[in-house]
Amino acid sequence: MTDLRTRLRAVPTLTGTPPGWDLSTAPDAPHELFVDWLLAAIDHPVAEPCAATLSTVRPDGRPNARVLILKDVTPDGWQFASTSTSRKGQELTTSPYAALTFYWIPLGRQVRVSGRVVPASAEDSARDFLLRPVAARAEALVGKQSAVLTDRSDIDAAVKEQQDRIALDPDLVAPNWTLYTLHADEVEFWQADPDRRHVRLRYTLDDTWTKELLWP
């Protein structure tokens, strides 16, 4: 029987086909390059290109991570949403610094974004909430994310109750729903090379953005 280590080493890596990348055309601000890369991933098409790993810090100092969906990118930062009472919401309250990681395998591209996270206004958060599908709004209104579940049938009853509430009040908003913006102070763009001579371009913010190439 083949041991797991041998099996893992046999799995192909860096299977994507990176597009051409003229570093001399990299814009002064990272959000502009990110949008270009994101649109390339959407047009490729890459499956679920808006999926990102959000890494936060627990109160005990241990890291925590999960995959969520990017909502928007503006000159101010990268936006995502959650309830403020969720584990990620509580962790952001305790330590408002986080990182987002995007990995688009078919293009051999990765982007790492880190900085301070700031909650949006109640009005902007409510606007984001009402753009969600009914099923997603109902689940958020249940308000039990990450709580211990003793019987899966309880989910159906709880969600149905909230769907009925939404039917009666289509503008109903979960009270703790929060739109967050990650104000980046460091963004790294990584493009794979089959010979492991990966291209890494890092932006760092100190009043203005600085670009630096990094060793693979």
Foldseek 3Di string as FASTA:
>chain_A
DDDPVVVVVPDDALPAAADDDDPVPDDFAVLVVVVVVLVCCVVVPFPQQQKKKKWFAAPVGDIDIDIDGWDDQDSQATKDKDFLPARVNVRCVNPQKIKIWTARRNNQKIKIFIAGKDWDDPVVQLVVLLVDDLQVQLQVLLPQPPPDDDDPVVSVVSSVVSSVVCVVPVSDHRPRMIMMGGRTQKMKMWGQDPVRQIWIWMWGDDPGIDIDTDGD
